[in-house]
Amino acid sequence: MSPSFLEIPDLPIEIIMNYLDYIAIQSVRKTCWDLRNFIDDKKPGIGMNYIEISQTSNTAVRLAMNPPLVRHSDSRSIDLIYEKLEHGCKIRGTTGDEWKTKIVENLNFLDAALHDFKVALNTQKAPFWRVTVKCFSKTFFEKLEEIMKSQKPFTTESIEIHVKSHEHARQIIQHADPKHLKSIEFYPQEDLTSIHETVELESSKNIQNLSHFATASIHFENQDVETIRAIKEHFLQFHEYDKHLYVSNNVVENMFIDAFGAAFEQPRELEQNWFFNVPGNYVKVLKVVNGYRSFEFDFVEKCEVPEGYMILD
């Protein structure tokens, strides 16, 4: 009697499944608990490059996924709309070339969309290129938070967040694995602020490690002398000198002078500049710029320090 598929050793099964695209893997996953557990553990198959869950109205949610653009061009994209019905949920959209509509009785449309979103996150082996979340209602956000708290952080190189408030965005960001995260784009309804490659820097007591970010651009809320000094000391600990922090806020008058002392200002210069020695580096210096409507921290060559400026310790 020939052995069944489930009697094949794990390694050959995984090799076979690595040729399957996302839709095929999900079909196999639904066949039995053994295969479901195997897929959830090994995460085989051709993963998705991009995933988006977005609230399109108070009664509809979109879930879209795209495969890698270069490799596996035969893999299928997924674009689904989950709509609220009086006694259930209507799911319509495409999984490749096929358009379908399905009505499920006694199923909440948000629960259905978020369940499929969670499955997609959990069956992805490699980091996504981008995860996009557009969430504007309180109910949607609370349900999203509920499912995200019940699983491990998801891995993505970038994340795009459209929400009602800064606080909602911060809570969503906490569910992304920082090891892989390279960029964040954040669009709160209350304040159209874009954040690229950043972490939360709201107080000197909450400054996190910026070592895996090359460039940061943020909207800084609670500015004070202690925080400015802490950022400077944090930068001086780096051993990679491609770091650049840009903060787009009006600067409190004399805050930088209180932090670092009087700045040497060139005639007709519209900004204040300070330069600091970098411990153990005789080539680079840390440059701090106060542009009054923004400020910056970055490393420059010592030879770039203009004549007349003092390099501070």
Protein backbone atom coordinates (compact mmCIF):
# COMPACT_ATOMS: atom_id res chain seq x y z
CA MET A 1 0.00 0.00 0.00
CA SER A 2 1.40 3.41 -0.99
CA PRO A 3 2.13 5.83 1.87
CA SER A 4 -0.18 8.82 2.25
CA PHE A 5 1.07 12.37 1.77
CA LEU A 6 1.09 12.88 5.54
CA GLU A 7 3.51 9.95 5.98
CA ILE A 8 6.19 11.67 3.89
CA PRO A 9 8.99 13.15 6.06
CA ASP A 10 8.74 16.85 6.89
CA LEU A 11 11.67 17.99 4.75
CA PRO A 12 10.35 16.65 1.41
CA ILE A 13 6.88 18.04 2.22
CA GLU A 14 8.38 21.45 2.91
CA ILE A 15 10.42 21.36 -0.31
CA ILE A 16 7.26 20.52 -2.29
CA MET A 17 5.22 23.24 -0.60
CA ASN A 18 7.89 25.87 -1.22
CA TYR A 19 6.76 25.80 -4.87
CA LEU A 20 3.17 26.72 -3.94
CA ASP A 21 1.88 30.28 -3.97
CA TYR A 22 -0.10 31.84 -1.12
CA ILE A 23 -3.53 30.80 -2.39
CA ALA A 24 -2.44 27.19 -2.91
CA ILE A 25 -0.88 27.07 0.56
CA GLN A 26 -4.11 28.34 2.12
CA SER A 27 -6.07 25.67 0.23
CA VAL A 28 -3.76 22.94 1.53
CA ARG A 29 -3.96 24.44 5.03
CA LYS A 30 -7.73 23.91 5.08
CA THR A 31 -7.56 20.19 4.27
CA CYS A 32 -6.74 18.85 7.74
CA TRP A 33 -5.33 19.82 11.13
CA ASP A 34 -2.00 18.05 10.54
CA LEU A 35 -1.26 20.09 7.42
CA ARG A 36 -2.56 23.26 9.07
CA ASN A 37 -0.19 22.78 11.99
CA PHE A 38 2.69 21.94 9.65
CA ILE A 39 2.12 25.09 7.57
CA ASP A 40 1.72 27.30 10.64
CA ASP A 41 4.99 25.92 12.03
CA LYS A 42 7.19 25.78 8.90
CA LYS A 43 5.57 28.64 6.92
CA PRO A 44 6.41 27.13 3.52
CA GLY A 45 5.47 28.44 0.10
CA ILE A 46 5.89 31.61 -1.92
CA GLY A 47 5.03 34.47 0.39
CA MET A 48 3.48 37.84 -0.31
CA ASN A 49 5.45 41.03 -0.81
CA TYR A 50 2.76 43.50 0.26
CA ILE A 51 -0.36 43.34 2.40
CA GLU A 52 -2.96 46.03 3.09
CA ILE A 53 -6.01 46.06 5.31
CA SER A 54 -8.08 49.21 4.96
CA GLN A 55 -11.42 50.45 6.18
CA THR A 56 -13.19 51.74 3.07
CA SER A 57 -16.40 52.71 4.90
CA ASN A 58 -18.26 51.98 8.13
CA THR A 59 -19.60 48.81 6.54
CA ALA A 60 -16.71 47.55 4.39
CA VAL A 61 -13.06 46.52 4.72
CA ARG A 62 -10.54 45.76 1.97
CA LEU A 63 -7.80 43.14 2.22
CA ALA A 64 -5.21 43.19 -0.57
CA MET A 65 -2.03 41.16 -1.02
CA ASN A 66 0.55 41.17 -3.79
CA PRO A 67 3.34 38.66 -4.52
CA PRO A 68 6.95 39.73 -5.19
CA LEU A 69 7.23 41.77 -8.38
CA VAL A 70 10.33 40.14 -9.87
CA ARG A 71 10.35 36.53 -8.79
CA HIS A 72 7.39 34.20 -8.95
CA SER A 73 5.55 36.33 -11.52
CA ASP A 74 3.01 33.53 -11.88
CA SER A 75 1.86 34.00 -8.28
CA ARG A 76 -1.59 35.52 -7.88
CA SER A 77 -2.59 38.78 -6.24
CA ILE A 78 -5.53 38.91 -3.83
CA ASP A 79 -8.02 41.77 -3.56
CA LEU A 80 -11.08 41.22 -1.38
CA ILE A 81 -13.87 43.42 -0.01
CA TYR A 82 -15.71 42.33 3.15
CA GLU A 83 -19.13 44.01 3.37
CA LYS A 84 -21.62 44.13 6.20
CA LEU A 85 -25.02 42.52 5.60
CA GLU A 86 -28.03 42.52 7.89
CA HIS A 87 -27.50 38.89 8.88
CA GLY A 88 -23.96 38.18 7.76
CA CYS A 89 -21.08 39.18 5.50
CA LYS A 90 -20.57 39.44 1.75
CA ILE A 91 -17.05 38.77 0.49
CA ARG A 92 -16.28 39.76 -3.10
CA GLY A 93 -13.13 40.21 -5.10
CA THR A 94 -10.40 38.40 -6.96
CA THR A 95 -7.77 35.82 -6.19
CA GLY A 96 -5.86 36.05 -9.44
CA ASP A 97 -7.94 36.11 -12.63
CA GLU A 98 -11.17 34.97 -11.02
CA TRP A 99 -13.85 37.30 -9.57
CA LYS A 100 -16.13 35.76 -6.99
CA THR A 101 -18.85 36.74 -4.52
CA LYS A 102 -19.64 34.76 -1.39
CA ILE A 103 -22.26 35.40 1.30
CA VAL A 104 -21.68 33.95 4.77
CA GLU A 105 -24.55 34.00 7.24
CA ASN A 106 -24.00 35.04 10.87
CA LEU A 107 -20.47 36.31 10.26
CA ASN A 108 -19.30 39.80 11.21
CA PHE A 109 -17.50 41.47 8.29
CA LEU A 110 -14.76 42.92 10.54
CA ASP A 111 -14.12 39.56 12.19
CA ALA A 112 -13.86 37.91 8.77
CA ALA A 113 -11.42 40.47 7.35
CA LEU A 114 -9.22 40.57 10.45
CA HIS A 115 -9.14 36.77 10.70
CA ASP A 116 -7.84 36.50 7.13
CA PHE A 117 -5.37 39.33 7.82
CA LYS A 118 -4.04 37.49 10.86
CA VAL A 119 -3.69 34.23 8.93
CA ALA A 120 -1.72 36.04 6.23
CA LEU A 121 0.66 37.56 8.78
CA ASN A 122 1.18 34.25 10.56
CA THR A 123 1.86 32.17 7.45
CA GLN A 124 4.46 34.60 6.06
CA LYS A 125 8.03 33.33 6.42
CA ALA A 126 10.06 36.20 4.95
CA PRO A 127 9.46 39.82 6.00
CA PHE A 128 6.90 41.75 3.97
CA TRP A 129 8.22 44.64 1.91
CA ARG A 130 5.31 46.71 3.23
CA VAL A 131 2.31 46.38 5.53
CA THR A 132 -0.41 49.05 5.20
CA VAL A 133 -3.13 49.63 7.79
CA LYS A 134 -5.98 52.13 7.29
CA CYS A 135 -8.20 52.16 10.35
CA PHE A 136 -10.55 55.04 11.24
CA SER A 137 -13.41 53.71 13.40
CA LYS A 138 -13.10 52.90 17.09
CA THR A 139 -14.66 49.46 16.62
CA PHE A 140 -12.24 48.51 13.83
CA PHE A 141 -9.23 49.68 15.84
CA GLU A 142 -10.32 47.80 18.98
CA LYS A 143 -10.84 44.57 17.04
CA LEU A 144 -7.49 45.04 15.27
CA GLU A 145 -5.75 45.56 18.62
CA GLU A 146 -7.42 42.44 20.00
CA ILE A 147 -6.10 40.16 17.29
CA MET A 148 -2.63 41.76 17.23
CA LYS A 149 -2.17 41.26 20.98
CA SER A 150 -2.85 37.55 20.56
CA GLN A 151 0.09 36.89 18.23
CA LYS A 152 3.80 37.49 17.79
CA PRO A 153 5.01 40.76 16.21
CA PHE A 154 4.79 40.69 12.42
CA THR A 155 7.89 41.23 10.29
CA THR A 156 8.00 43.93 7.63
CA GLU A 157 10.60 46.26 6.17
CA SER A 158 8.14 49.16 6.05
CA ILE A 159 4.77 50.05 7.47
CA GLU A 160 2.22 52.64 6.36
CA ILE A 161 -0.43 53.66 8.90
CA HIS A 162 -3.56 55.78 8.36
CA VAL A 163 -5.45 56.25 11.63
CA LYS A 164 -7.42 58.84 13.59
CA SER A 165 -4.75 59.69 16.15
CA HIS A 166 -1.08 59.52 17.04
CA GLU A 167 -1.90 57.16 19.91
CA HIS A 168 -3.55 54.63 17.61
CA ALA A 169 -0.51 54.72 15.31
CA ARG A 170 1.87 54.12 18.20
CA GLN A 171 -0.12 51.11 19.34
CA ILE A 172 -0.06 49.58 15.86
CA ILE A 173 3.69 50.20 15.47
CA GLN A 174 4.30 48.26 18.68
CA HIS A 175 3.11 45.09 16.92
CA ALA A 176 5.83 45.30 14.22
CA ASP A 177 9.14 43.51 14.81
CA PRO A 178 11.79 46.29 15.02
CA LYS A 179 14.56 43.94 13.81
CA HIS A 180 13.38 44.23 10.21
CA LEU A 181 11.61 47.60 10.23
CA LYS A 182 13.39 50.21 8.10
CA SER A 183 10.72 52.81 7.45
CA ILE A 184 7.43 54.08 8.82
CA GLU A 185 4.90 56.34 7.12
CA PHE A 186 2.31 57.68 9.50
CA TYR A 187 -0.76 59.69 8.47
CA PRO A 188 -3.05 60.52 11.43
CA GLN A 189 -6.32 62.24 10.55
CA GLU A 190 -5.90 64.73 13.37
CA ASP A 191 -2.52 65.94 12.09
CA LEU A 192 -1.23 65.02 8.64
CA THR A 193 2.29 64.23 9.74
CA SER A 194 4.52 61.89 7.77
CA ILE A 195 7.15 59.96 9.65
CA HIS A 196 9.92 58.22 7.76
CA GLU A 197 12.31 55.81 9.46
CA THR A 198 11.68 56.80 13.03
CA VAL A 199 11.05 55.67 16.55
CA GLU A 200 9.15 57.33 19.36
CA LEU A 201 11.19 60.12 20.98
CA GLU A 202 8.67 61.89 23.17
CA SER A 203 10.82 62.25 26.24
CA SER A 204 14.38 61.65 27.33
CA LYS A 205 13.12 58.77 29.49
CA ASN A 206 11.73 56.98 26.43
CA ILE A 207 14.51 57.34 23.86
CA GLN A 208 14.83 54.03 22.10
CA ASN A 209 17.77 52.57 20.22
CA LEU A 210 18.03 54.17 16.76
CA SER A 211 20.88 51.96 15.59
CA HIS A 212 18.97 50.25 12.75
CA PHE A 213 17.62 53.54 11.33
CA ALA A 214 19.79 55.44 8.85
CA THR A 215 17.48 58.44 8.52
CA ALA A 216 14.74 59.65 10.81
CA SER A 217 12.18 62.37 10.19
CA ILE A 218 9.65 62.98 12.93
CA HIS A 219 7.14 65.36 14.47
CA PHE A 220 8.48 65.94 17.98
CA GLU A 221 5.84 66.75 20.60
CA ASN A 222 7.37 67.31 24.05
CA GLN A 223 10.57 69.28 23.54
CA ASP A 224 12.85 70.14 26.44
CA VAL A 225 16.53 70.69 27.19
CA GLU A 226 16.94 67.29 28.85
CA THR A 227 15.66 65.47 25.76
CA ILE A 228 17.90 67.44 23.38
CA ARG A 229 20.96 66.61 25.46
CA ALA A 230 19.91 62.94 25.66
CA ILE A 231 19.59 62.72 21.86
CA LYS A 232 23.06 64.21 21.48
CA GLU A 233 24.57 61.67 23.92
CA HIS A 234 22.70 58.86 22.17
CA PHE A 235 24.14 59.84 18.79
CA LEU A 236 27.68 59.96 20.19
CA GLN A 237 27.36 56.26 21.09
CA PHE A 238 26.93 55.21 17.45
CA HIS A 239 29.72 53.47 15.59
CA GLU A 240 27.92 53.82 12.26
CA TYR A 241 28.09 57.36 10.99
CA ASP A 242 25.32 57.43 8.39
CA LYS A 243 22.69 58.40 10.99
CA HIS A 244 20.56 61.49 10.41
CA LEU A 245 17.70 62.78 12.57
CA TYR A 246 15.38 65.51 11.25
CA VAL A 247 12.68 66.93 13.54
CA SER A 248 10.02 69.17 12.00
CA ASN A 249 8.79 71.38 14.83
CA ASN A 250 9.02 74.99 15.87
CA VAL A 251 11.88 75.13 18.37
CA VAL A 252 11.37 76.61 21.82
CA GLU A 253 13.36 79.85 22.09
CA ASN A 254 16.85 79.44 23.63
CA MET A 255 16.31 75.70 24.17
CA PHE A 256 19.49 74.74 22.30
CA ILE A 257 21.51 77.50 23.93
CA ASP A 258 20.37 76.23 27.32
CA ALA A 259 21.36 72.69 26.25
CA PHE A 260 24.74 73.35 24.59
CA GLY A 261 25.75 76.93 25.35
CA ALA A 262 26.02 79.87 22.98
CA ALA A 263 26.23 79.03 19.29
CA PHE A 264 28.77 80.59 16.98
CA GLU A 265 26.70 82.27 14.25
CA GLN A 266 28.12 83.45 10.96
CA PRO A 267 26.92 86.83 9.62
CA ARG A 268 23.56 86.58 7.81
CA GLU A 269 23.27 82.93 8.87
CA LEU A 270 19.64 81.88 9.55
CA GLU A 271 20.42 78.92 11.79
CA GLN A 272 22.51 77.98 14.80
CA ASN A 273 25.16 75.26 14.56
CA TRP A 274 27.13 73.24 17.10
CA PHE A 275 29.84 70.65 16.43
CA PHE A 276 30.87 67.95 18.90
CA ASN A 277 33.86 65.61 19.01
CA VAL A 278 32.99 61.95 18.55
CA PRO A 279 34.78 59.73 21.12
CA GLY A 280 37.30 57.47 19.42
CA ASN A 281 36.83 59.05 15.97
CA TYR A 282 39.27 61.64 14.69
CA VAL A 283 37.61 62.09 11.30
CA LYS A 284 33.91 62.62 12.11
CA VAL A 285 32.10 65.18 14.25
CA LEU A 286 28.47 65.39 15.31
CA LYS A 287 26.70 68.39 13.81
CA VAL A 288 23.62 69.85 15.51
CA VAL A 289 21.58 72.42 13.61
CA ASN A 290 18.81 74.57 15.06
CA GLY A 291 16.76 75.92 12.16
CA TYR A 292 14.07 77.32 14.50
CA ARG A 293 11.27 75.56 12.58
CA SER A 294 13.19 72.28 12.68
CA PHE A 295 16.42 70.81 13.99
CA GLU A 296 18.85 68.12 12.83
CA PHE A 297 21.51 65.77 14.17
CA ASP A 298 23.99 64.14 11.79
CA PHE A 299 27.66 63.24 11.38
CA VAL A 300 29.96 65.19 9.05
CA GLU A 301 33.65 65.12 8.21
CA LYS A 302 35.77 67.20 10.57
CA CYS A 303 37.23 68.98 7.57
CA GLU A 304 33.71 70.24 6.72
CA VAL A 305 33.50 72.34 9.90
CA PRO A 306 33.50 75.99 8.73
CA GLU A 307 36.35 78.24 9.76
CA GLY A 308 35.62 80.00 13.04
CA TYR A 309 33.56 77.22 14.60
CA MET A 310 34.68 75.52 17.81
CA ILE A 311 34.38 71.74 18.12
CA LEU A 312 33.00 70.97 21.57
CA ASP A 313 33.46 67.96 23.82
